[in-house]
Amino acid sequence: MAMESDKVMFEIYREAAYTGKFRVVYYTELNENNKEWEINRALSGEHFYDGFIKNYRKDEAKDIVDSILKRLNDGEKLTSEDVENALSEHIAAG
């Protein structure tokens, strides 16, 4: 069984300088090669949602995040509550 401390920090944001599309960054999975670029890209965008997902079954949670991004980029209006409801089984305490 995974420890609650095993979690992945992420943020959903909207690009401001490029395409205006919604994107996600998984901060705790960045490496030295892409850390600075990805963080700067997210910081220059418009924050939408951030939180932690459990490391246990994180691939399933990432699939849900991908479907949320698709819906947002297709023009659907979602709220942070919609994101929390979709990820409810995967959210880890901050």
PDB file of N, CA and C in Angstrom:
ATOM      1  N   MET A   1       0.846  -1.191   0.000  1.00  0.00           N
ATOM      2  CA  MET A   1       0.000   0.000   0.000  1.00  0.00           C
ATOM      3  C   MET A   1       0.883   1.243   0.000  1.00  0.00           C
ATOM      4  N   ALA A   2       0.555   2.221  -0.813  1.00  0.00           N
ATOM      5  CA  ALA A   2       1.363   3.434  -0.942  1.00  0.00           C
ATOM      6  C   ALA A   2       1.132   4.373   0.233  1.00  0.00           C
ATOM      7  N   MET A   3       2.178   5.073   0.576  1.00  0.00           N
ATOM      8  CA  MET A   3       2.090   6.076   1.633  1.00  0.00           C
ATOM      9  C   MET A   3       1.420   7.324   1.078  1.00  0.00           C
ATOM     10  N   GLU A   4       0.684   8.027   1.919  1.00  0.00           N
ATOM     11  CA  GLU A   4       0.027   9.259   1.496  1.00  0.00           C
ATOM     12  C   GLU A   4       1.059  10.305   1.062  1.00  0.00           C
ATOM     13  N   SER A   5       2.274  10.214   1.599  1.00  0.00           N
ATOM     14  CA  SER A   5       3.305  11.185   1.234  1.00  0.00           C
ATOM     15  C   SER A   5       3.823  10.958  -0.185  1.00  0.00           C
ATOM     16  N   ASP A   6       3.514   9.824  -0.774  1.00  0.00           N
ATOM     17  CA  ASP A   6       3.888   9.555  -2.167  1.00  0.00           C
ATOM     18  C   ASP A   6       2.863  10.211  -3.083  1.00  0.00           C
ATOM     19  N   LYS A   7       3.195  11.428  -3.514  1.00  0.00           N
ATOM     20  CA  LYS A   7       2.233  12.185  -4.314  1.00  0.00           C
ATOM     21  C   LYS A   7       2.950  12.998  -5.369  1.00  0.00           C
ATOM     22  N   VAL A   8       2.192  13.425  -6.346  1.00  0.00           N
ATOM     23  CA  VAL A   8       2.702  14.195  -7.476  1.00  0.00           C
ATOM     24  C   VAL A   8       2.003  15.555  -7.474  1.00  0.00           C
ATOM     25  N   MET A   9       2.817  16.610  -7.441  1.00  0.00           N
ATOM     26  CA  MET A   9       2.280  17.975  -7.491  1.00  0.00           C
ATOM     27  C   MET A   9       2.088  18.368  -8.947  1.00  0.00           C
ATOM     28  N   PHE A  10       0.922  18.942  -9.255  1.00  0.00           N
ATOM     29  CA  PHE A  10       0.650  19.330 -10.638  1.00  0.00           C
ATOM     30  C   PHE A  10      -0.108  20.644 -10.700  1.00  0.00           C
ATOM     31  N   GLU A  11      -0.106  21.233 -11.883  1.00  0.00           N
ATOM     32  CA  GLU A  11      -0.874  22.453 -12.134  1.00  0.00           C
ATOM     33  C   GLU A  11      -1.436  22.402 -13.544  1.00  0.00           C
ATOM     34  N   ILE A  12      -2.697  22.795 -13.658  1.00  0.00           N
ATOM     35  CA  ILE A  12      -3.327  23.002 -14.959  1.00  0.00           C
ATOM     36  C   ILE A  12      -3.336  24.509 -15.183  1.00  0.00           C
ATOM     37  N   TYR A  13      -2.848  24.923 -16.335  1.00  0.00           N
ATOM     38  CA  TYR A  13      -2.788  26.350 -16.644  1.00  0.00           C
ATOM     39  C   TYR A  13      -3.126  26.563 -18.114  1.00  0.00           C
ATOM     40  N   ARG A  14      -3.399  27.815 -18.434  1.00  0.00           N
ATOM     41  CA  ARG A  14      -3.672  28.181 -19.827  1.00  0.00           C
ATOM     42  C   ARG A  14      -2.486  28.990 -20.332  1.00  0.00           C
ATOM     43  N   GLU A  15      -1.941  28.558 -21.455  1.00  0.00           N
ATOM     44  CA  GLU A  15      -0.818  29.281 -22.037  1.00  0.00           C
ATOM     45  C   GLU A  15      -1.240  30.698 -22.407  1.00  0.00           C
ATOM     46  N   ALA A  16      -0.407  31.648 -22.060  1.00  0.00           N
ATOM     47  CA  ALA A  16      -0.697  33.038 -22.405  1.00  0.00           C
ATOM     48  C   ALA A  16       0.089  33.470 -23.634  1.00  0.00           C
ATOM     49  N   ALA A  17       1.329  33.017 -23.737  1.00  0.00           N
ATOM     50  CA  ALA A  17       2.216  33.516 -24.785  1.00  0.00           C
ATOM     51  C   ALA A  17       2.178  32.705 -26.078  1.00  0.00           C
ATOM     52  N   TYR A  18       1.647  31.508 -26.048  1.00  0.00           N
ATOM     53  CA  TYR A  18       1.735  30.646 -27.239  1.00  0.00           C
ATOM     54  C   TYR A  18       0.357  30.436 -27.851  1.00  0.00           C
ATOM     55  N   THR A  19      -0.233  29.302 -27.609  1.00  0.00           N
ATOM     56  CA  THR A  19      -1.461  28.918 -28.300  1.00  0.00           C
ATOM     57  C   THR A  19      -2.743  29.252 -27.543  1.00  0.00           C
ATOM     58  N   GLY A  20      -2.635  29.594 -26.258  1.00  0.00           N
ATOM     59  CA  GLY A  20      -3.830  29.828 -25.452  1.00  0.00           C
ATOM     60  C   GLY A  20      -4.502  28.540 -25.013  1.00  0.00           C
ATOM     61  N   LYS A  21      -3.830  27.423 -25.240  1.00  0.00           N
ATOM     62  CA  LYS A  21      -4.385  26.121 -24.856  1.00  0.00           C
ATOM     63  C   LYS A  21      -4.102  25.819 -23.386  1.00  0.00           C
ATOM     64  N   PHE A  22      -4.939  24.985 -22.820  1.00  0.00           N
ATOM     65  CA  PHE A  22      -4.730  24.505 -21.464  1.00  0.00           C
ATOM     66  C   PHE A  22      -3.682  23.402 -21.486  1.00  0.00           C
ATOM     67  N   ARG A  23      -2.810  23.430 -20.493  1.00  0.00           N
ATOM     68  CA  ARG A  23      -1.732  22.450 -20.381  1.00  0.00           C
ATOM     69  C   ARG A  23      -1.602  22.036 -18.921  1.00  0.00           C
ATOM     70  N   VAL A  24      -0.837  20.978 -18.700  1.00  0.00           N
ATOM     71  CA  VAL A  24      -0.554  20.523 -17.333  1.00  0.00           C
ATOM     72  C   VAL A  24       0.946  20.381 -17.172  1.00  0.00           C
ATOM     73  N   VAL A  25       1.417  20.655 -15.969  1.00  0.00           N
ATOM     74  CA  VAL A  25       2.808  20.392 -15.622  1.00  0.00           C
ATOM     75  C   VAL A  25       2.798  19.598 -14.321  1.00  0.00           C
ATOM     76  N   TYR A  26       3.561  18.522 -14.306  1.00  0.00           N
ATOM     77  CA  TYR A  26       3.707  17.687 -13.118  1.00  0.00           C
ATOM     78  C   TYR A  26       5.047  18.064 -12.487  1.00  0.00           C
ATOM     79  N   TYR A  27       5.001  18.998 -11.552  1.00  0.00           N
ATOM     80  CA  TYR A  27       6.221  19.594 -11.002  1.00  0.00           C
ATOM     81  C   TYR A  27       7.173  18.576 -10.385  1.00  0.00           C
ATOM     82  N   THR A  28       6.657  17.636  -9.636  1.00  0.00           N
ATOM     83  CA  THR A  28       7.526  16.700  -8.931  1.00  0.00           C
ATOM     84  C   THR A  28       8.136  15.657  -9.861  1.00  0.00           C
ATOM     85  N   GLU A  29       7.763  15.666 -11.133  1.00  0.00           N
ATOM     86  CA  GLU A  29       8.344  14.729 -12.092  1.00  0.00           C
ATOM     87  C   GLU A  29       9.311  15.405 -13.061  1.00  0.00           C
ATOM     88  N   LEU A  30       9.547  16.697 -12.871  1.00  0.00           N
ATOM     89  CA  LEU A  30      10.483  17.396 -13.742  1.00  0.00           C
ATOM     90  C   LEU A  30      11.905  16.992 -13.401  1.00  0.00           C
ATOM     91  N   ASN A  31      12.768  17.044 -14.405  1.00  0.00           N
ATOM     92  CA  ASN A  31      14.183  16.765 -14.166  1.00  0.00           C
ATOM     93  C   ASN A  31      14.995  18.017 -14.479  1.00  0.00           C
ATOM     94  N   GLU A  32      16.276  17.948 -14.261  1.00  0.00           N
ATOM     95  CA  GLU A  32      17.138  19.115 -14.457  1.00  0.00           C
ATOM     96  C   GLU A  32      17.131  19.620 -15.895  1.00  0.00           C
ATOM     97  N   ASN A  33      16.852  18.742 -16.851  1.00  0.00           N
ATOM     98  CA  ASN A  33      16.854  19.142 -18.260  1.00  0.00           C
ATOM     99  C   ASN A  33      15.670  20.009 -18.639  1.00  0.00           C
ATOM    100  N   ASN A  34      14.529  19.819 -17.980  1.00  0.00           N
ATOM    101  CA  ASN A  34      13.333  20.554 -18.390  1.00  0.00           C
ATOM    102  C   ASN A  34      12.704  21.386 -17.276  1.00  0.00           C
ATOM    103  N   LYS A  35      13.249  21.322 -16.087  1.00  0.00           N
ATOM    104  CA  LYS A  35      12.624  21.979 -14.933  1.00  0.00           C
ATOM    105  C   LYS A  35      12.418  23.482 -15.144  1.00  0.00           C
ATOM    106  N   GLU A  36      13.479  24.206 -15.439  1.00  0.00           N
ATOM    107  CA  GLU A  36      13.390  25.668 -15.542  1.00  0.00           C
ATOM    108  C   GLU A  36      12.431  26.094 -16.653  1.00  0.00           C
ATOM    109  N   TRP A  37      12.536  25.446 -17.814  1.00  0.00           N
ATOM    110  CA  TRP A  37      11.692  25.811 -18.949  1.00  0.00           C
ATOM    111  C   TRP A  37      10.213  25.571 -18.636  1.00  0.00           C
ATOM    112  N   GLU A  38       9.891  24.397 -18.101  1.00  0.00           N
ATOM    113  CA  GLU A  38       8.491  24.045 -17.810  1.00  0.00           C
ATOM    114  C   GLU A  38       7.903  24.947 -16.725  1.00  0.00           C
ATOM    115  N   ILE A  39       8.683  25.236 -15.691  1.00  0.00           N
ATOM    116  CA  ILE A  39       8.189  26.106 -14.616  1.00  0.00           C
ATOM    117  C   ILE A  39       7.946  27.513 -15.151  1.00  0.00           C
ATOM    118  N   ASN A  40       8.881  28.050 -15.922  1.00  0.00           N
ATOM    119  CA  ASN A  40       8.699  29.383 -16.494  1.00  0.00           C
ATOM    120  C   ASN A  40       7.497  29.439 -17.425  1.00  0.00           C
ATOM    121  N   ARG A  41       7.293  28.389 -18.180  1.00  0.00           N
ATOM    122  CA  ARG A  41       6.143  28.323 -19.090  1.00  0.00           C
ATOM    123  C   ARG A  41       4.833  28.355 -18.300  1.00  0.00           C
ATOM    124  N   ALA A  42       4.772  27.579 -17.234  1.00  0.00           N
ATOM    125  CA  ALA A  42       3.563  27.552 -16.401  1.00  0.00           C
ATOM    126  C   ALA A  42       3.349  28.889 -15.697  1.00  0.00           C
ATOM    127  N   LEU A  43       4.426  29.483 -15.192  1.00  0.00           N
ATOM    128  CA  LEU A  43       4.313  30.762 -14.484  1.00  0.00           C
ATOM    129  C   LEU A  43       3.854  31.888 -15.397  1.00  0.00           C
ATOM    130  N   SER A  44       4.187  31.813 -16.669  1.00  0.00           N
ATOM    131  CA  SER A  44       3.765  32.859 -17.596  1.00  0.00           C
ATOM    132  C   SER A  44       2.320  32.666 -18.050  1.00  0.00           C
ATOM    133  N   GLY A  45       1.748  31.516 -17.735  1.00  0.00           N
ATOM    134  CA  GLY A  45       0.366  31.233 -18.123  1.00  0.00           C
ATOM    135  C   GLY A  45      -0.634  31.670 -17.069  1.00  0.00           C
ATOM    136  N   GLU A  46      -1.884  31.385 -17.335  1.00  0.00           N
ATOM    137  CA  GLU A  46      -2.988  31.716 -16.440  1.00  0.00           C
ATOM    138  C   GLU A  46      -3.353  30.469 -15.628  1.00  0.00           C
ATOM    139  N   HIS A  47      -3.191  30.568 -14.315  1.00  0.00           N
ATOM    140  CA  HIS A  47      -3.461  29.434 -13.418  1.00  0.00           C
ATOM    141  C   HIS A  47      -4.926  29.026 -13.514  1.00  0.00           C
ATOM    142  N   PHE A  48      -5.170  27.720 -13.560  1.00  0.00           N
ATOM    143  CA  PHE A  48      -6.543  27.203 -13.548  1.00  0.00           C
ATOM    144  C   PHE A  48      -6.792  26.311 -12.330  1.00  0.00           C
ATOM    145  N   TYR A  49      -5.885  25.365 -12.071  1.00  0.00           N
ATOM    146  CA  TYR A  49      -6.072  24.437 -10.952  1.00  0.00           C
ATOM    147  C   TYR A  49      -4.718  23.838 -10.585  1.00  0.00           C
ATOM    148  N   ASP A  50      -4.517  23.611  -9.300  1.00  0.00           N
ATOM    149  CA  ASP A  50      -3.318  22.894  -8.878  1.00  0.00           C
ATOM    150  C   ASP A  50      -3.649  22.002  -7.701  1.00  0.00           C
ATOM    151  N   GLY A  51      -2.811  21.018  -7.495  1.00  0.00           N
ATOM    152  CA  GLY A  51      -3.031  20.100  -6.389  1.00  0.00           C
ATOM    153  C   GLY A  51      -2.047  18.953  -6.423  1.00  0.00           C
ATOM    154  N   PHE A  52      -2.398  17.910  -5.710  1.00  0.00           N
ATOM    155  CA  PHE A  52      -1.568  16.714  -5.610  1.00  0.00           C
ATOM    156  C   PHE A  52      -2.409  15.505  -5.951  1.00  0.00           C
ATOM    157  N   ILE A  53      -1.820  14.593  -6.717  1.00  0.00           N
ATOM    158  CA  ILE A  53      -2.458  13.302  -6.947  1.00  0.00           C
ATOM    159  C   ILE A  53      -1.598  12.240  -6.269  1.00  0.00           C
ATOM    160  N   LYS A  54      -2.264  11.190  -5.858  1.00  0.00           N
ATOM    161  CA  LYS A  54      -1.549  10.081  -5.233  1.00  0.00           C
ATOM    162  C   LYS A  54      -0.663   9.400  -6.263  1.00  0.00           C
ATOM    163  N   ASN A  55       0.522   9.030  -5.832  1.00  0.00           N
ATOM    164  CA  ASN A  55       1.440   8.324  -6.718  1.00  0.00           C
ATOM    165  C   ASN A  55       0.851   6.967  -7.113  1.00  0.00           C
ATOM    166  N   TYR A  56       0.105   6.375  -6.194  1.00  0.00           N
ATOM    167  CA  TYR A  56      -0.567   5.110  -6.458  1.00  0.00           C
ATOM    168  C   TYR A  56      -1.656   5.348  -7.505  1.00  0.00           C
ATOM    169  N   ARG A  57      -1.603   4.663  -8.610  1.00  0.00           N
ATOM    170  CA  ARG A  57      -2.558   4.795  -9.722  1.00  0.00           C
ATOM    171  C   ARG A  57      -2.480   6.177 -10.386  1.00  0.00           C
ATOM    172  N   LYS A  58      -1.277   6.762 -10.400  1.00  0.00           N
ATOM    173  CA  LYS A  58      -1.134   8.093 -10.981  1.00  0.00           C
ATOM    174  C   LYS A  58      -1.386   8.100 -12.480  1.00  0.00           C
ATOM    175  N   ASP A  59      -1.107   6.986 -13.167  1.00  0.00           N
ATOM    176  CA  ASP A  59      -1.369   6.947 -14.608  1.00  0.00           C
ATOM    177  C   ASP A  59      -2.856   7.097 -14.900  1.00  0.00           C
ATOM    178  N   GLU A  60      -3.677   6.504 -14.065  1.00  0.00           N
ATOM    179  CA  GLU A  60      -5.129   6.652 -14.202  1.00  0.00           C
ATOM    180  C   GLU A  60      -5.524   8.112 -13.967  1.00  0.00           C
ATOM    181  N   ALA A  61      -4.929   8.738 -12.954  1.00  0.00           N
ATOM    182  CA  ALA A  61      -5.215  10.151 -12.667  1.00  0.00           C
ATOM    183  C   ALA A  61      -4.756  11.034 -13.827  1.00  0.00           C
ATOM    184  N   LYS A  62      -3.608  10.728 -14.404  1.00  0.00           N
ATOM    185  CA  LYS A  62      -3.109  11.512 -15.537  1.00  0.00           C
ATOM    186  C   LYS A  62      -4.031  11.385 -16.748  1.00  0.00           C
ATOM    187  N   ASP A  63      -4.612  10.211 -16.951  1.00  0.00           N
ATOM    188  CA  ASP A  63      -5.583  10.042 -18.035  1.00  0.00           C
ATOM    189  C   ASP A  63      -6.800  10.941 -17.807  1.00  0.00           C
ATOM    190  N   ILE A  64      -7.221  11.056 -16.554  1.00  0.00           N
ATOM    191  CA  ILE A  64      -8.354  11.929 -16.226  1.00  0.00           C
ATOM    192  C   ILE A  64      -7.981  13.378 -16.489  1.00  0.00           C
ATOM    193  N   VAL A  65      -6.766  13.779 -16.087  1.00  0.00           N
ATOM    194  CA  VAL A  65      -6.302  15.147 -16.347  1.00  0.00           C
ATOM    195  C   VAL A  65      -6.257  15.401 -17.851  1.00  0.00           C
ATOM    196  N   ASP A  66      -5.772  14.445 -18.622  1.00  0.00           N
ATOM    197  CA  ASP A  66      -5.742  14.600 -20.078  1.00  0.00           C
ATOM    198  C   ASP A  66      -7.148  14.801 -20.653  1.00  0.00           C
ATOM    199  N   SER A  67      -8.122  14.071 -20.119  1.00  0.00           N
ATOM    200  CA  SER A  67      -9.494  14.238 -20.611  1.00  0.00           C
ATOM    201  C   SER A  67     -10.052  15.608 -20.207  1.00  0.00           C
ATOM    202  N   ILE A  68      -9.661  16.103 -19.043  1.00  0.00           N
ATOM    203  CA  ILE A  68     -10.072  17.446 -18.620  1.00  0.00           C
ATOM    204  C   ILE A  68      -9.469  18.487 -19.560  1.00  0.00           C
ATOM    205  N   LEU A  69      -8.180  18.335 -19.887  1.00  0.00           N
ATOM    206  CA  LEU A  69      -7.530  19.265 -20.811  1.00  0.00           C
ATOM    207  C   LEU A  69      -8.217  19.264 -22.170  1.00  0.00           C
ATOM    208  N   LYS A  70      -8.569  18.080 -22.659  1.00  0.00           N
ATOM    209  CA  LYS A  70      -9.252  17.989 -23.952  1.00  0.00           C
ATOM    210  C   LYS A  70     -10.583  18.735 -23.907  1.00  0.00           C
ATOM    211  N   ARG A  71     -11.322  18.520 -22.833  1.00  0.00           N
ATOM    212  CA  ARG A  71     -12.619  19.201 -22.700  1.00  0.00           C
ATOM    213  C   ARG A  71     -12.432  20.723 -22.651  1.00  0.00           C
ATOM    214  N   LEU A  72     -11.459  21.179 -21.874  1.00  0.00           N
ATOM    215  CA  LEU A  72     -11.200  22.620 -21.786  1.00  0.00           C
ATOM    216  C   LEU A  72     -10.772  23.191 -23.129  1.00  0.00           C
ATOM    217  N   ASN A  73      -9.881  22.486 -23.817  1.00  0.00           N
ATOM    218  CA  ASN A  73      -9.386  22.958 -25.108  1.00  0.00           C
ATOM    219  C   ASN A  73     -10.429  22.862 -26.215  1.00  0.00           C
ATOM    220  N   ASP A  74     -11.460  22.055 -25.994  1.00  0.00           N
ATOM    221  CA  ASP A  74     -12.577  21.988 -26.935  1.00  0.00           C
ATOM    222  C   ASP A  74     -13.622  23.067 -26.637  1.00  0.00           C
ATOM    223  N   GLY A  75     -13.352  23.895 -25.609  1.00  0.00           N
ATOM    224  CA  GLY A  75     -14.241  25.018 -25.315  1.00  0.00           C
ATOM    225  C   GLY A  75     -15.222  24.805 -24.185  1.00  0.00           C
ATOM    226  N   GLU A  76     -15.203  23.644 -23.559  1.00  0.00           N
ATOM    227  CA  GLU A  76     -16.119  23.397 -22.454  1.00  0.00           C
ATOM    228  C   GLU A  76     -15.708  24.237 -21.247  1.00  0.00           C
ATOM    229  N   LYS A  77     -16.670  24.819 -20.574  1.00  0.00           N
ATOM    230  CA  LYS A  77     -16.414  25.640 -19.397  1.00  0.00           C
ATOM    231  C   LYS A  77     -16.458  24.742 -18.160  1.00  0.00           C
ATOM    232  N   LEU A  78     -15.306  24.527 -17.562  1.00  0.00           N
ATOM    233  CA  LEU A  78     -15.209  23.711 -16.352  1.00  0.00           C
ATOM    234  C   LEU A  78     -14.736  24.577 -15.194  1.00  0.00           C
ATOM    235  N   THR A  79     -15.056  24.149 -13.993  1.00  0.00           N
ATOM    236  CA  THR A  79     -14.627  24.852 -12.790  1.00  0.00           C
ATOM    237  C   THR A  79     -13.635  23.984 -12.024  1.00  0.00           C
ATOM    238  N   SER A  80     -13.025  24.557 -11.008  1.00  0.00           N
ATOM    239  CA  SER A  80     -12.117  23.774 -10.172  1.00  0.00           C
ATOM    240  C   SER A  80     -12.876  22.650  -9.464  1.00  0.00           C
ATOM    241  N   GLU A  81     -14.139  22.867  -9.159  1.00  0.00           N
ATOM    242  CA  GLU A  81     -14.961  21.808  -8.561  1.00  0.00           C
ATOM    243  C   GLU A  81     -15.139  20.640  -9.527  1.00  0.00           C
ATOM    244  N   ASP A  82     -15.283  20.927 -10.801  1.00  0.00           N
ATOM    245  CA  ASP A  82     -15.392  19.867 -11.803  1.00  0.00           C
ATOM    246  C   ASP A  82     -14.118  19.018 -11.830  1.00  0.00           C
ATOM    247  N   VAL A  83     -12.965  19.690 -11.733  1.00  0.00           N
ATOM    248  CA  VAL A  83     -11.688  18.975 -11.712  1.00  0.00           C
ATOM    249  C   VAL A  83     -11.601  18.109 -10.461  1.00  0.00           C
ATOM    250  N   GLU A  84     -11.935  18.680  -9.306  1.00  0.00           N
ATOM    251  CA  GLU A  84     -11.881  17.924  -8.047  1.00  0.00           C
ATOM    252  C   GLU A  84     -12.817  16.728  -8.068  1.00  0.00           C
ATOM    253  N   ASN A  85     -13.996  16.900  -8.623  1.00  0.00           N
ATOM    254  CA  ASN A  85     -14.940  15.774  -8.718  1.00  0.00           C
ATOM    255  C   ASN A  85     -14.393  14.671  -9.620  1.00  0.00           C
ATOM    256  N   ALA A  86     -13.807  15.054 -10.745  1.00  0.00           N
ATOM    257  CA  ALA A  86     -13.264  14.058 -11.673  1.00  0.00           C
ATOM    258  C   ALA A  86     -12.083  13.294 -11.059  1.00  0.00           C
ATOM    259  N   LEU A  87     -11.293  13.995 -10.234  1.00  0.00           N
ATOM    260  CA  LEU A  87     -10.091  13.385  -9.641  1.00  0.00           C
ATOM    261  C   LEU A  87     -10.300  12.936  -8.194  1.00  0.00           C
ATOM    262  N   SER A  88     -11.514  12.928  -7.726  1.00  0.00           N
ATOM    263  CA  SER A  88     -11.784  12.719  -6.299  1.00  0.00           C
ATOM    264  C   SER A  88     -11.096  11.486  -5.696  1.00  0.00           C
ATOM    265  N   GLU A  89     -11.027  10.401  -6.430  1.00  0.00           N
ATOM    266  CA  GLU A  89     -10.403   9.174  -5.910  1.00  0.00           C
ATOM    267  C   GLU A  89      -8.869   9.269  -5.911  1.00  0.00           C
ATOM    268  N   HIS A  90      -8.320  10.252  -6.600  1.00  0.00           N
ATOM    269  CA  HIS A  90      -6.883  10.329  -6.803  1.00  0.00           C
ATOM    270  C   HIS A  90      -6.210  11.504  -6.084  1.00  0.00           C
ATOM    271  N   ILE A  91      -6.992  12.388  -5.517  1.00  0.00           N
ATOM    272  CA  ILE A  91      -6.424  13.573  -4.863  1.00  0.00           C
ATOM    273  C   ILE A  91      -5.759  13.188  -3.560  1.00  0.00           C
ATOM    274  N   ALA A  92      -4.543  13.705  -3.381  1.00  0.00           N
ATOM    275  CA  ALA A  92      -3.781  13.490  -2.149  1.00  0.00           C
ATOM    276  C   ALA A  92      -3.765  14.792  -1.355  1.00  0.00           C
ATOM    277  N   ALA A  93      -3.670  14.695  -0.067  1.00  0.00           N
ATOM    278  CA  ALA A  93      -3.586  15.882   0.781  1.00  0.00           C
ATOM    279  C   ALA A  93      -2.297  16.634   0.462  1.00  0.00           C
ATOM    280  N   GLY A  94      -2.368  17.959   0.484  1.00  0.00           N
ATOM    281  CA  GLY A  94      -1.206  18.801   0.183  1.00  0.00           C
ATOM    282  C   GLY A  94      -0.286  18.880   1.288  1.00  0.00           C
TER     283      GLY A  94
END
